[in-house]
Protein backbone atom coordinates (compact mmCIF):
# COMPACT_ATOMS: atom_id res chain seq x y z
CA MET A 1 48.86 45.91 -26.21
CA ALA A 2 48.99 43.74 -29.28
CA GLU A 3 45.78 43.19 -31.29
CA SER A 4 43.93 40.09 -30.72
CA VAL A 5 40.98 38.04 -32.42
CA TYR A 6 38.65 35.86 -30.47
CA LYS A 7 36.27 33.18 -31.60
CA VAL A 8 32.92 32.56 -29.74
CA ILE A 9 31.21 29.07 -29.90
CA GLU A 10 28.15 27.62 -28.15
CA LEU A 11 28.27 24.49 -25.91
CA ILE A 12 25.68 22.73 -24.17
CA GLY A 13 26.69 20.53 -21.09
CA THR A 14 24.42 18.05 -19.43
CA SER A 15 24.38 16.49 -15.87
CA THR A 16 22.10 14.63 -13.74
CA GLU A 17 23.28 16.34 -10.53
CA SER A 18 23.00 20.20 -11.21
CA TRP A 19 23.39 23.08 -13.76
CA ASP A 20 26.82 23.88 -12.15
CA LYS A 21 28.03 20.37 -13.09
CA ALA A 22 26.47 20.52 -16.51
CA ALA A 23 28.37 23.82 -17.19
CA ALA A 24 31.67 22.35 -15.69
CA VAL A 25 31.21 19.31 -17.95
CA ALA A 26 31.23 21.50 -20.98
CA ILE A 27 34.07 23.70 -20.13
CA LYS A 28 36.20 20.60 -18.96
CA LEU A 29 35.72 18.90 -22.41
CA ALA A 30 36.48 22.23 -24.31
CA THR A 31 39.75 22.64 -22.51
CA LYS A 32 40.82 19.34 -23.95
CA THR A 33 40.42 20.36 -27.61
CA LEU A 34 40.73 24.15 -27.53
CA ARG A 35 43.59 26.36 -26.29
CA ASP A 36 43.54 29.72 -24.60
CA LEU A 37 39.86 29.73 -23.44
CA ARG A 38 39.11 33.11 -22.21
CA VAL A 39 35.53 33.54 -21.06
CA ALA A 40 32.33 31.27 -20.66
CA GLU A 41 28.96 32.95 -20.35
CA VAL A 42 25.85 31.00 -19.23
CA LYS A 43 23.31 31.82 -21.81
CA GLN A 44 20.48 29.52 -20.86
CA LEU A 45 19.60 26.88 -18.13
CA ASP A 46 16.92 24.18 -18.69
CA ILE A 47 15.92 20.63 -17.46
CA GLN A 48 15.05 17.74 -19.81
CA MET A 49 12.48 15.51 -18.25
CA LYS A 50 12.32 11.68 -19.55
CA ASP A 51 10.70 8.79 -17.62
CA GLY A 52 10.62 10.74 -14.39
CA LYS A 53 14.43 11.50 -14.53
CA LEU A 54 15.97 14.98 -14.82
CA THR A 55 18.94 15.93 -16.92
CA TYR A 56 20.23 19.52 -16.29
CA ARG A 57 21.46 21.37 -19.32
CA ALA A 58 23.60 24.56 -19.42
CA LYS A 59 24.02 26.40 -22.76
CA LEU A 60 27.37 28.37 -22.85
CA SER A 61 29.07 30.70 -24.95
CA VAL A 62 32.76 30.22 -24.69
CA SER A 63 35.56 32.41 -26.33
CA PHE A 64 39.05 31.45 -27.24
CA LYS A 65 41.89 33.43 -28.79
CA TYR A 66 42.76 32.79 -32.40
CA GLU A 67 46.44 31.90 -32.92
CA LYS A 68 48.49 33.34 -35.84
CA PRO A 69 49.26 31.03 -38.56
């Protein structure tokens, strides 16, 4: 097996519907700007409350493979 290097970044997705949707939003946007995503790990879930409205937030660690220059 060839040697590989991966980069890990942190993303926060938001949704007014659910934590699942918040995580999916973050991953969907990441796939538009990053290639070869490998693993997403949910690190934290919270809810932001403002004027009686809830916003679900999902903090993710996402890894992707570095490409050779």
